[in-house]
Amino acid sequence: MKTEFSEFHLEDWIKSDEDLVVLLNDALSSGNQKYLLQILGLMAKRKGMSEIAGEAATDRAHLYRILSEKGNPSLEKFLQILKAVNVHLSASIVPPKTAV
């Protein structure tokens, strides 16, 4: 019996903004820059890349580039993109883990 696989597209499984929030929190806590940029890219596509590019003071081509797997946006551009996709970050201090 032959098994066929199709390519997985994360965006096909996102049904709501709440789904994106869960993924964004997971990406932030993972510390994986590629994952974080992938989720920000999905958020930008949902709102419209042209609109996000305008709000983030860049052009669409540059926005696609910095949100790609090889992207490495500056902190300033990262914060502009977060603001453009209506994401507000907050911080909390996590106590250090103690040895058991």
PDB file of N, CA and C in Angstrom:
ATOM      1  N   MET A   1       0.846  -1.170   0.000  1.00  0.00           N
ATOM      2  CA  MET A   1       0.000   0.000   0.000  1.00  0.00           C
ATOM      3  C   MET A   1       0.896   1.240   0.000  1.00  0.00           C
ATOM      4  N   LYS A   2       0.612   2.132  -0.914  1.00  0.00           N
ATOM      5  CA  LYS A   2       1.408   3.341  -1.054  1.00  0.00           C
ATOM      6  C   LYS A   2       0.752   4.474  -0.271  1.00  0.00           C
ATOM      7  N   THR A   3       1.550   5.151   0.547  1.00  0.00           N
ATOM      8  CA  THR A   3       1.058   6.285   1.316  1.00  0.00           C
ATOM      9  C   THR A   3       1.492   7.564   0.623  1.00  0.00           C
ATOM     10  N   GLU A   4       0.550   8.482   0.464  1.00  0.00           N
ATOM     11  CA  GLU A   4       0.873   9.761  -0.155  1.00  0.00           C
ATOM     12  C   GLU A   4       0.853  10.851   0.905  1.00  0.00           C
ATOM     13  N   PHE A   5       1.795  11.738   0.787  1.00  0.00           N
ATOM     14  CA  PHE A   5       1.891  12.848   1.710  1.00  0.00           C
ATOM     15  C   PHE A   5       1.720  14.145   0.943  1.00  0.00           C
ATOM     16  N   SER A   6       1.139  15.097   1.594  1.00  0.00           N
ATOM     17  CA  SER A   6       1.058  16.430   0.989  1.00  0.00           C
ATOM     18  C   SER A   6       1.870  17.385   1.849  1.00  0.00           C
ATOM     19  N   GLU A   7       2.268  18.471   1.245  1.00  0.00           N
ATOM     20  CA  GLU A   7       3.080  19.446   1.969  1.00  0.00           C
ATOM     21  C   GLU A   7       2.240  20.098   3.064  1.00  0.00           C
ATOM     22  N   PHE A   8       2.848  20.265   4.229  1.00  0.00           N
ATOM     23  CA  PHE A   8       2.169  20.883   5.369  1.00  0.00           C
ATOM     24  C   PHE A   8       2.335  22.388   5.301  1.00  0.00           C
ATOM     25  N   HIS A   9       1.237  23.106   5.418  1.00  0.00           N
ATOM     26  CA  HIS A   9       1.240  24.565   5.462  1.00  0.00           C
ATOM     27  C   HIS A   9       0.556  24.998   6.749  1.00  0.00           C
ATOM     28  N   LEU A  10       1.326  25.556   7.648  1.00  0.00           N
ATOM     29  CA  LEU A  10       0.810  25.969   8.950  1.00  0.00           C
ATOM     30  C   LEU A  10      -0.384  26.897   8.810  1.00  0.00           C
ATOM     31  N   GLU A  11      -0.325  27.814   7.848  1.00  0.00           N
ATOM     32  CA  GLU A  11      -1.398  28.784   7.691  1.00  0.00           C
ATOM     33  C   GLU A  11      -2.759  28.135   7.388  1.00  0.00           C
ATOM     34  N   ASP A  12      -2.752  26.923   6.869  1.00  0.00           N
ATOM     35  CA  ASP A  12      -4.011  26.216   6.594  1.00  0.00           C
ATOM     36  C   ASP A  12      -4.717  25.795   7.883  1.00  0.00           C
ATOM     37  N   TRP A  13      -3.994  25.761   8.997  1.00  0.00           N
ATOM     38  CA  TRP A  13      -4.551  25.291  10.268  1.00  0.00           C
ATOM     39  C   TRP A  13      -4.908  26.420  11.224  1.00  0.00           C
ATOM     40  N   ILE A  14      -4.568  27.635  10.851  1.00  0.00           N
ATOM     41  CA  ILE A  14      -4.862  28.781  11.712  1.00  0.00           C
ATOM     42  C   ILE A  14      -6.257  29.287  11.386  1.00  0.00           C
ATOM     43  N   LYS A  15      -7.112  29.233  12.368  1.00  0.00           N
ATOM     44  CA  LYS A  15      -8.513  29.613  12.159  1.00  0.00           C
ATOM     45  C   LYS A  15      -8.882  30.939  12.810  1.00  0.00           C
ATOM     46  N   SER A  16      -8.060  31.418  13.743  1.00  0.00           N
ATOM     47  CA  SER A  16      -8.434  32.627  14.478  1.00  0.00           C
ATOM     48  C   SER A  16      -7.194  33.362  14.966  1.00  0.00           C
ATOM     49  N   ASP A  17      -7.421  34.582  15.434  1.00  0.00           N
ATOM     50  CA  ASP A  17      -6.330  35.342  16.043  1.00  0.00           C
ATOM     51  C   ASP A  17      -5.826  34.651  17.294  1.00  0.00           C
ATOM     52  N   GLU A  18      -6.705  33.952  17.999  1.00  0.00           N
ATOM     53  CA  GLU A  18      -6.301  33.231  19.205  1.00  0.00           C
ATOM     54  C   GLU A  18      -5.296  32.127  18.865  1.00  0.00           C
ATOM     55  N   ASP A  19      -5.490  31.473  17.716  1.00  0.00           N
ATOM     56  CA  ASP A  19      -4.520  30.468  17.278  1.00  0.00           C
ATOM     57  C   ASP A  19      -3.147  31.107  17.080  1.00  0.00           C
ATOM     58  N   LEU A  20      -3.142  32.299  16.491  1.00  0.00           N
ATOM     59  CA  LEU A  20      -1.883  33.008  16.267  1.00  0.00           C
ATOM     60  C   LEU A  20      -1.224  33.408  17.579  1.00  0.00           C
ATOM     61  N   VAL A  21      -2.026  33.812  18.558  1.00  0.00           N
ATOM     62  CA  VAL A  21      -1.475  34.197  19.860  1.00  0.00           C
ATOM     63  C   VAL A  21      -0.793  32.995  20.515  1.00  0.00           C
ATOM     64  N   VAL A  22      -1.424  31.845  20.442  1.00  0.00           N
ATOM     65  CA  VAL A  22      -0.823  30.631  21.013  1.00  0.00           C
ATOM     66  C   VAL A  22       0.507  30.337  20.315  1.00  0.00           C
ATOM     67  N   LEU A  23       0.510  30.407  18.990  1.00  0.00           N
ATOM     68  CA  LEU A  23       1.741  30.141  18.245  1.00  0.00           C
ATOM     69  C   LEU A  23       2.811  31.190  18.530  1.00  0.00           C
ATOM     70  N   LEU A  24       2.419  32.453  18.610  1.00  0.00           N
ATOM     71  CA  LEU A  24       3.380  33.512  18.882  1.00  0.00           C
ATOM     72  C   LEU A  24       4.004  33.342  20.262  1.00  0.00           C
ATOM     73  N   ASN A  25       3.195  33.031  21.267  1.00  0.00           N
ATOM     74  CA  ASN A  25       3.731  32.789  22.613  1.00  0.00           C
ATOM     75  C   ASN A  25       4.678  31.595  22.621  1.00  0.00           C
ATOM     76  N   ASP A  26       4.316  30.558  21.879  1.00  0.00           N
ATOM     77  CA  ASP A  26       5.178  29.380  21.798  1.00  0.00           C
ATOM     78  C   ASP A  26       6.499  29.737  21.113  1.00  0.00           C
ATOM     79  N   ALA A  27       6.420  30.511  20.041  1.00  0.00           N
ATOM     80  CA  ALA A  27       7.632  30.913  19.320  1.00  0.00           C
ATOM     81  C   ALA A  27       8.528  31.780  20.195  1.00  0.00           C
ATOM     82  N   LEU A  28       7.930  32.714  20.920  1.00  0.00           N
ATOM     83  CA  LEU A  28       8.721  33.570  21.810  1.00  0.00           C
ATOM     84  C   LEU A  28       9.398  32.758  22.907  1.00  0.00           C
ATOM     85  N   SER A  29       8.660  31.831  23.506  1.00  0.00           N
ATOM     86  CA  SER A  29       9.248  31.047  24.600  1.00  0.00           C
ATOM     87  C   SER A  29      10.286  30.051  24.097  1.00  0.00           C
ATOM     88  N   SER A  30      10.193  29.658  22.829  1.00  0.00           N
ATOM     89  CA  SER A  30      11.157  28.701  22.288  1.00  0.00           C
ATOM     90  C   SER A  30      12.531  29.332  22.064  1.00  0.00           C
ATOM     91  N   GLY A  31      12.551  30.644  21.832  1.00  0.00           N
ATOM     92  CA  GLY A  31      13.815  31.299  21.525  1.00  0.00           C
ATOM     93  C   GLY A  31      14.314  31.012  20.121  1.00  0.00           C
ATOM     94  N   ASN A  32      13.485  30.379  19.303  1.00  0.00           N
ATOM     95  CA  ASN A  32      13.862  30.015  17.938  1.00  0.00           C
ATOM     96  C   ASN A  32      13.491  31.158  16.997  1.00  0.00           C
ATOM     97  N   GLN A  33      14.501  31.859  16.497  1.00  0.00           N
ATOM     98  CA  GLN A  33      14.259  33.034  15.660  1.00  0.00           C
ATOM     99  C   GLN A  33      13.507  32.690  14.377  1.00  0.00           C
ATOM    100  N   LYS A  34      13.837  31.579  13.736  1.00  0.00           N
ATOM    101  CA  LYS A  34      13.163  31.183  12.495  1.00  0.00           C
ATOM    102  C   LYS A  34      11.675  30.956  12.741  1.00  0.00           C
ATOM    103  N   TYR A  35      11.359  30.287  13.825  1.00  0.00           N
ATOM    104  CA  TYR A  35       9.963  30.009  14.194  1.00  0.00           C
ATOM    105  C   TYR A  35       9.231  31.328  14.454  1.00  0.00           C
ATOM    106  N   LEU A  36       9.853  32.218  15.208  1.00  0.00           N
ATOM    107  CA  LEU A  36       9.244  33.506  15.526  1.00  0.00           C
ATOM    108  C   LEU A  36       8.974  34.309  14.251  1.00  0.00           C
ATOM    109  N   LEU A  37       9.958  34.356  13.355  1.00  0.00           N
ATOM    110  CA  LEU A  37       9.766  35.090  12.106  1.00  0.00           C
ATOM    111  C   LEU A  37       8.686  34.450  11.239  1.00  0.00           C
ATOM    112  N   GLN A  38       8.586  33.126  11.287  1.00  0.00           N
ATOM    113  CA  GLN A  38       7.535  32.436  10.525  1.00  0.00           C
ATOM    114  C   GLN A  38       6.155  32.851  11.030  1.00  0.00           C
ATOM    115  N   ILE A  39       5.967  32.906  12.323  1.00  0.00           N
ATOM    116  CA  ILE A  39       4.675  33.287  12.891  1.00  0.00           C
ATOM    117  C   ILE A  39       4.385  34.754  12.605  1.00  0.00           C
ATOM    118  N   LEU A  40       5.378  35.628  12.747  1.00  0.00           N
ATOM    119  CA  LEU A  40       5.176  37.037  12.406  1.00  0.00           C
ATOM    120  C   LEU A  40       4.825  37.189  10.929  1.00  0.00           C
ATOM    121  N   GLY A  41       5.445  36.388  10.087  1.00  0.00           N
ATOM    122  CA  GLY A  41       5.124  36.405   8.663  1.00  0.00           C
ATOM    123  C   GLY A  41       3.677  36.011   8.406  1.00  0.00           C
ATOM    124  N   LEU A  42       3.208  34.992   9.109  1.00  0.00           N
ATOM    125  CA  LEU A  42       1.807  34.580   8.964  1.00  0.00           C
ATOM    126  C   LEU A  42       0.861  35.685   9.417  1.00  0.00           C
ATOM    127  N   MET A  43       1.226  36.338  10.510  1.00  0.00           N
ATOM    128  CA  MET A  43       0.397  37.432  11.013  1.00  0.00           C
ATOM    129  C   MET A  43       0.361  38.584  10.007  1.00  0.00           C
ATOM    130  N   ALA A  44       1.513  38.883   9.429  1.00  0.00           N
ATOM    131  CA  ALA A  44       1.589  39.965   8.448  1.00  0.00           C
ATOM    132  C   ALA A  44       0.772  39.625   7.200  1.00  0.00           C
ATOM    133  N   LYS A  45       0.848  38.388   6.748  1.00  0.00           N
ATOM    134  CA  LYS A  45       0.080  37.979   5.563  1.00  0.00           C
ATOM    135  C   LYS A  45      -1.417  38.074   5.810  1.00  0.00           C
ATOM    136  N   ARG A  46      -1.848  37.738   7.015  1.00  0.00           N
ATOM    137  CA  ARG A  46      -3.280  37.828   7.337  1.00  0.00           C
ATOM    138  C   ARG A  46      -3.778  39.267   7.286  1.00  0.00           C
ATOM    139  N   LYS A  47      -2.937  40.198   7.699  1.00  0.00           N
ATOM    140  CA  LYS A  47      -3.332  41.607   7.697  1.00  0.00           C
ATOM    141  C   LYS A  47      -3.097  42.245   6.338  1.00  0.00           C
ATOM    142  N   GLY A  48      -2.135  41.716   5.600  1.00  0.00           N
ATOM    143  CA  GLY A  48      -1.788  42.257   4.287  1.00  0.00           C
ATOM    144  C   GLY A  48      -0.366  42.781   4.296  1.00  0.00           C
ATOM    145  N   MET A  49       0.490  42.176   3.503  1.00  0.00           N
ATOM    146  CA  MET A  49       1.904  42.533   3.514  1.00  0.00           C
ATOM    147  C   MET A  49       2.126  43.990   3.121  1.00  0.00           C
ATOM    148  N   SER A  50       1.355  44.498   2.191  1.00  0.00           N
ATOM    149  CA  SER A  50       1.530  45.896   1.786  1.00  0.00           C
ATOM    150  C   SER A  50       1.213  46.831   2.941  1.00  0.00           C
ATOM    151  N   GLU A  51       0.135  46.537   3.655  1.00  0.00           N
ATOM    152  CA  GLU A  51      -0.240  47.378   4.798  1.00  0.00           C
ATOM    153  C   GLU A  51       0.822  47.313   5.891  1.00  0.00           C
ATOM    154  N   ILE A  52       1.301  46.110   6.200  1.00  0.00           N
ATOM    155  CA  ILE A  52       2.325  45.948   7.237  1.00  0.00           C
ATOM    156  C   ILE A  52       3.612  46.651   6.822  1.00  0.00           C
ATOM    157  N   ALA A  53       3.997  46.488   5.561  1.00  0.00           N
ATOM    158  CA  ALA A  53       5.215  47.145   5.078  1.00  0.00           C
ATOM    159  C   ALA A  53       5.111  48.656   5.254  1.00  0.00           C
ATOM    160  N   GLY A  54       3.973  49.221   4.909  1.00  0.00           N
ATOM    161  CA  GLY A  54       3.786  50.656   5.071  1.00  0.00           C
ATOM    162  C   GLY A  54       3.874  51.087   6.522  1.00  0.00           C
ATOM    163  N   GLU A  55       3.220  50.344   7.410  1.00  0.00           N
ATOM    164  CA  GLU A  55       3.232  50.681   8.833  1.00  0.00           C
ATOM    165  C   GLU A  55       4.611  50.458   9.463  1.00  0.00           C
ATOM    166  N   ALA A  56       5.380  49.534   8.902  1.00  0.00           N
ATOM    167  CA  ALA A  56       6.714  49.244   9.435  1.00  0.00           C
ATOM    168  C   ALA A  56       7.799  50.042   8.708  1.00  0.00           C
ATOM    169  N   ALA A  57       7.386  50.994   7.895  1.00  0.00           N
ATOM    170  CA  ALA A  57       8.317  51.890   7.186  1.00  0.00           C
ATOM    171  C   ALA A  57       9.347  51.125   6.356  1.00  0.00           C
ATOM    172  N   THR A  58       8.862  50.176   5.565  1.00  0.00           N
ATOM    173  CA  THR A  58       9.739  49.419   4.669  1.00  0.00           C
ATOM    174  C   THR A  58       8.945  49.077   3.419  1.00  0.00           C
ATOM    175  N   ASP A  59       9.577  48.461   2.451  1.00  0.00           N
ATOM    176  CA  ASP A  59       8.832  48.021   1.273  1.00  0.00           C
ATOM    177  C   ASP A  59       8.521  46.525   1.391  1.00  0.00           C
ATOM    178  N   ARG A  60       7.586  46.074   0.570  1.00  0.00           N
ATOM    179  CA  ARG A  60       7.137  44.675   0.662  1.00  0.00           C
ATOM    180  C   ARG A  60       8.277  43.684   0.470  1.00  0.00           C
ATOM    181  N   ALA A  61       9.132  43.939  -0.507  1.00  0.00           N
ATOM    182  CA  ALA A  61      10.232  43.005  -0.780  1.00  0.00           C
ATOM    183  C   ALA A  61      11.140  42.869   0.446  1.00  0.00           C
ATOM    184  N   HIS A  62      11.447  43.985   1.072  1.00  0.00           N
ATOM    185  CA  HIS A  62      12.300  43.939   2.268  1.00  0.00           C
ATOM    186  C   HIS A  62      11.571  43.230   3.402  1.00  0.00           C
ATOM    187  N   LEU A  63      10.280  43.471   3.555  1.00  0.00           N
ATOM    188  CA  LEU A  63       9.502  42.801   4.599  1.00  0.00           C
ATOM    189  C   LEU A  63       9.520  41.284   4.390  1.00  0.00           C
ATOM    190  N   TYR A  64       9.294  40.842   3.167  1.00  0.00           N
ATOM    191  CA  TYR A  64       9.356  39.407   2.879  1.00  0.00           C
ATOM    192  C   TYR A  64      10.736  38.855   3.221  1.00  0.00           C
ATOM    193  N   ARG A  65      11.777  39.602   2.876  1.00  0.00           N
ATOM    194  CA  ARG A  65      13.149  39.152   3.133  1.00  0.00           C
ATOM    195  C   ARG A  65      13.423  39.005   4.626  1.00  0.00           C
ATOM    196  N   ILE A  66      13.040  40.015   5.422  1.00  0.00           N
ATOM    197  CA  ILE A  66      13.369  39.940   6.850  1.00  0.00           C
ATOM    198  C   ILE A  66      12.480  38.966   7.605  1.00  0.00           C
ATOM    199  N   LEU A  67      11.330  38.610   7.039  1.00  0.00           N
ATOM    200  CA  LEU A  67      10.475  37.614   7.682  1.00  0.00           C
ATOM    201  C   LEU A  67      10.715  36.208   7.136  1.00  0.00           C
ATOM    202  N   SER A  68      11.695  36.070   6.262  1.00  0.00           N
ATOM    203  CA  SER A  68      12.007  34.761   5.689  1.00  0.00           C
ATOM    204  C   SER A  68      12.837  33.942   6.675  1.00  0.00           C
ATOM    205  N   GLU A  69      13.080  32.710   6.322  1.00  0.00           N
ATOM    206  CA  GLU A  69      13.861  31.807   7.170  1.00  0.00           C
ATOM    207  C   GLU A  69      15.265  32.342   7.427  1.00  0.00           C
ATOM    208  N   LYS A  70      15.798  33.090   6.487  1.00  0.00           N
ATOM    209  CA  LYS A  70      17.145  33.647   6.642  1.00  0.00           C
ATOM    210  C   LYS A  70      17.109  35.094   7.115  1.00  0.00           C
ATOM    211  N   GLY A  71      15.929  35.581   7.447  1.00  0.00           N
ATOM    212  CA  GLY A  71      15.791  36.962   7.879  1.00  0.00           C
ATOM    213  C   GLY A  71      16.462  37.229   9.214  1.00  0.00           C
ATOM    214  N   ASN A  72      16.867  38.459   9.383  1.00  0.00           N
ATOM    215  CA  ASN A  72      17.513  38.862  10.630  1.00  0.00           C
ATOM    216  C   ASN A  72      17.212  40.346  10.846  1.00  0.00           C
ATOM    217  N   PRO A  73      15.947  40.652  11.186  1.00  0.00           N
ATOM    218  CA  PRO A  73      15.592  42.063  11.310  1.00  0.00           C
ATOM    219  C   PRO A  73      16.292  42.732  12.485  1.00  0.00           C
ATOM    220  N   SER A  74      16.524  44.021  12.333  1.00  0.00           N
ATOM    221  CA  SER A  74      17.062  44.798  13.455  1.00  0.00           C
ATOM    222  C   SER A  74      15.987  44.845  14.539  1.00  0.00           C
ATOM    223  N   LEU A  75      16.392  45.178  15.739  1.00  0.00           N
ATOM    224  CA  LEU A  75      15.421  45.296  16.827  1.00  0.00           C
ATOM    225  C   LEU A  75      14.387  46.360  16.490  1.00  0.00           C
ATOM    226  N   GLU A  76      14.837  47.465  15.908  1.00  0.00           N
ATOM    227  CA  GLU A  76      13.912  48.537  15.535  1.00  0.00           C
ATOM    228  C   GLU A  76      12.866  48.038  14.545  1.00  0.00           C
ATOM    229  N   LYS A  77      13.290  47.304  13.517  1.00  0.00           N
ATOM    230  CA  LYS A  77      12.350  46.802  12.509  1.00  0.00           C
ATOM    231  C   LYS A  77      11.432  45.744  13.119  1.00  0.00           C
ATOM    232  N   PHE A  78      11.978  44.899  13.977  1.00  0.00           N
ATOM    233  CA  PHE A  78      11.187  43.875  14.663  1.00  0.00           C
ATOM    234  C   PHE A  78      10.057  44.535  15.461  1.00  0.00           C
ATOM    235  N   LEU A  79      10.404  45.577  16.207  1.00  0.00           N
ATOM    236  CA  LEU A  79       9.389  46.278  17.010  1.00  0.00           C
ATOM    237  C   LEU A  79       8.361  46.976  16.124  1.00  0.00           C
ATOM    238  N   GLN A  80       8.793  47.515  14.988  1.00  0.00           N
ATOM    239  CA  GLN A  80       7.856  48.142  14.054  1.00  0.00           C
ATOM    240  C   GLN A  80       6.874  47.110  13.494  1.00  0.00           C
ATOM    241  N   ILE A  81       7.375  45.937  13.186  1.00  0.00           N
ATOM    242  CA  ILE A  81       6.504  44.877  12.656  1.00  0.00           C
ATOM    243  C   ILE A  81       5.512  44.429  13.719  1.00  0.00           C
ATOM    244  N   LEU A  82       5.989  44.237  14.954  1.00  0.00           N
ATOM    245  CA  LEU A  82       5.079  43.862  16.036  1.00  0.00           C
ATOM    246  C   LEU A  82       3.952  44.879  16.182  1.00  0.00           C
ATOM    247  N   LYS A  83       4.304  46.146  16.151  1.00  0.00           N
ATOM    248  CA  LYS A  83       3.298  47.201  16.275  1.00  0.00           C
ATOM    249  C   LYS A  83       2.326  47.142  15.095  1.00  0.00           C
ATOM    250  N   ALA A  84       2.836  46.906  13.903  1.00  0.00           N
ATOM    251  CA  ALA A  84       2.000  46.862  12.707  1.00  0.00           C
ATOM    252  C   ALA A  84       1.014  45.697  12.719  1.00  0.00           C
ATOM    253  N   VAL A  85       1.402  44.575  13.351  1.00  0.00           N
ATOM    254  CA  VAL A  85       0.485  43.424  13.424  1.00  0.00           C
ATOM    255  C   VAL A  85      -0.317  43.424  14.724  1.00  0.00           C
ATOM    256  N   ASN A  86      -0.251  44.559  15.434  1.00  0.00           N
ATOM    257  CA  ASN A  86      -1.028  44.761  16.666  1.00  0.00           C
ATOM    258  C   ASN A  86      -0.645  43.810  17.794  1.00  0.00           C
ATOM    259  N   VAL A  87       0.651  43.565  17.939  1.00  0.00           N
ATOM    260  CA  VAL A  87       1.148  42.718  19.017  1.00  0.00           C
ATOM    261  C   VAL A  87       1.843  43.599  20.048  1.00  0.00           C
ATOM    262  N   HIS A  88       1.453  43.425  21.283  1.00  0.00           N
ATOM    263  CA  HIS A  88       2.068  44.132  22.405  1.00  0.00           C
ATOM    264  C   HIS A  88       2.798  43.099  23.255  1.00  0.00           C
ATOM    265  N   LEU A  89       4.083  43.301  23.438  1.00  0.00           N
ATOM    266  CA  LEU A  89       4.862  42.389  24.272  1.00  0.00           C
ATOM    267  C   LEU A  89       4.887  42.891  25.702  1.00  0.00           C
ATOM    268  N   SER A  90       4.930  41.969  26.620  1.00  0.00           N
ATOM    269  CA  SER A  90       5.117  42.327  28.024  1.00  0.00           C
ATOM    270  C   SER A  90       6.175  41.383  28.587  1.00  0.00           C
ATOM    271  N   ALA A  91       6.705  41.760  29.732  1.00  0.00           N
ATOM    272  CA  ALA A  91       7.788  40.969  30.317  1.00  0.00           C
ATOM    273  C   ALA A  91       7.443  40.585  31.745  1.00  0.00           C
ATOM    274  N   SER A  92       8.036  39.515  32.170  1.00  0.00           N
ATOM    275  CA  SER A  92       7.931  39.106  33.568  1.00  0.00           C
ATOM    276  C   SER A  92       9.265  38.479  33.951  1.00  0.00           C
ATOM    277  N   ILE A  93       9.581  38.557  35.218  1.00  0.00           N
ATOM    278  CA  ILE A  93      10.826  37.967  35.702  1.00  0.00           C
ATOM    279  C   ILE A  93      10.518  36.547  36.163  1.00  0.00           C
ATOM    280  N   VAL A  94      11.276  35.631  35.623  1.00  0.00           N
ATOM    281  CA  VAL A  94      11.100  34.222  35.959  1.00  0.00           C
ATOM    282  C   VAL A  94      12.197  33.850  36.954  1.00  0.00           C
ATOM    283  N   PRO A  95      11.796  33.317  38.102  1.00  0.00           N
ATOM    284  CA  PRO A  95      12.824  32.948  39.076  1.00  0.00           C
ATOM    285  C   PRO A  95      13.732  31.856  38.512  1.00  0.00           C
ATOM    286  N   PRO A  96      15.006  31.893  38.881  1.00  0.00           N
ATOM    287  CA  PRO A  96      15.932  30.865  38.382  1.00  0.00           C
ATOM    288  C   PRO A  96      15.525  29.484  38.877  1.00  0.00           C
ATOM    289  N   LYS A  97      15.826  28.491  38.071  1.00  0.00           N
ATOM    290  CA  LYS A  97      15.541  27.124  38.467  1.00  0.00           C
ATOM    291  C   LYS A  97      16.523  26.710  39.552  1.00  0.00           C
ATOM    292  N   THR A  98      16.004  26.011  40.536  1.00  0.00           N
ATOM    293  CA  THR A  98      16.876  25.531  41.614  1.00  0.00           C
ATOM    294  C   THR A  98      17.210  24.067  41.379  1.00  0.00           C
ATOM    295  N   ALA A  99      18.393  23.705  41.768  1.00  0.00           N
ATOM    296  CA  ALA A  99      18.826  22.307  41.615  1.00  0.00           C
ATOM    297  C   ALA A  99      18.048  21.435  42.590  1.00  0.00           C
ATOM    298  N   VAL A 100      17.670  20.280  42.122  1.00  0.00           N
ATOM    299  CA  VAL A 100      16.918  19.350  42.963  1.00  0.00           C
ATOM    300  C   VAL A 100      17.791  18.208  43.370  1.00  0.00           C
TER     301      VAL A 100
END
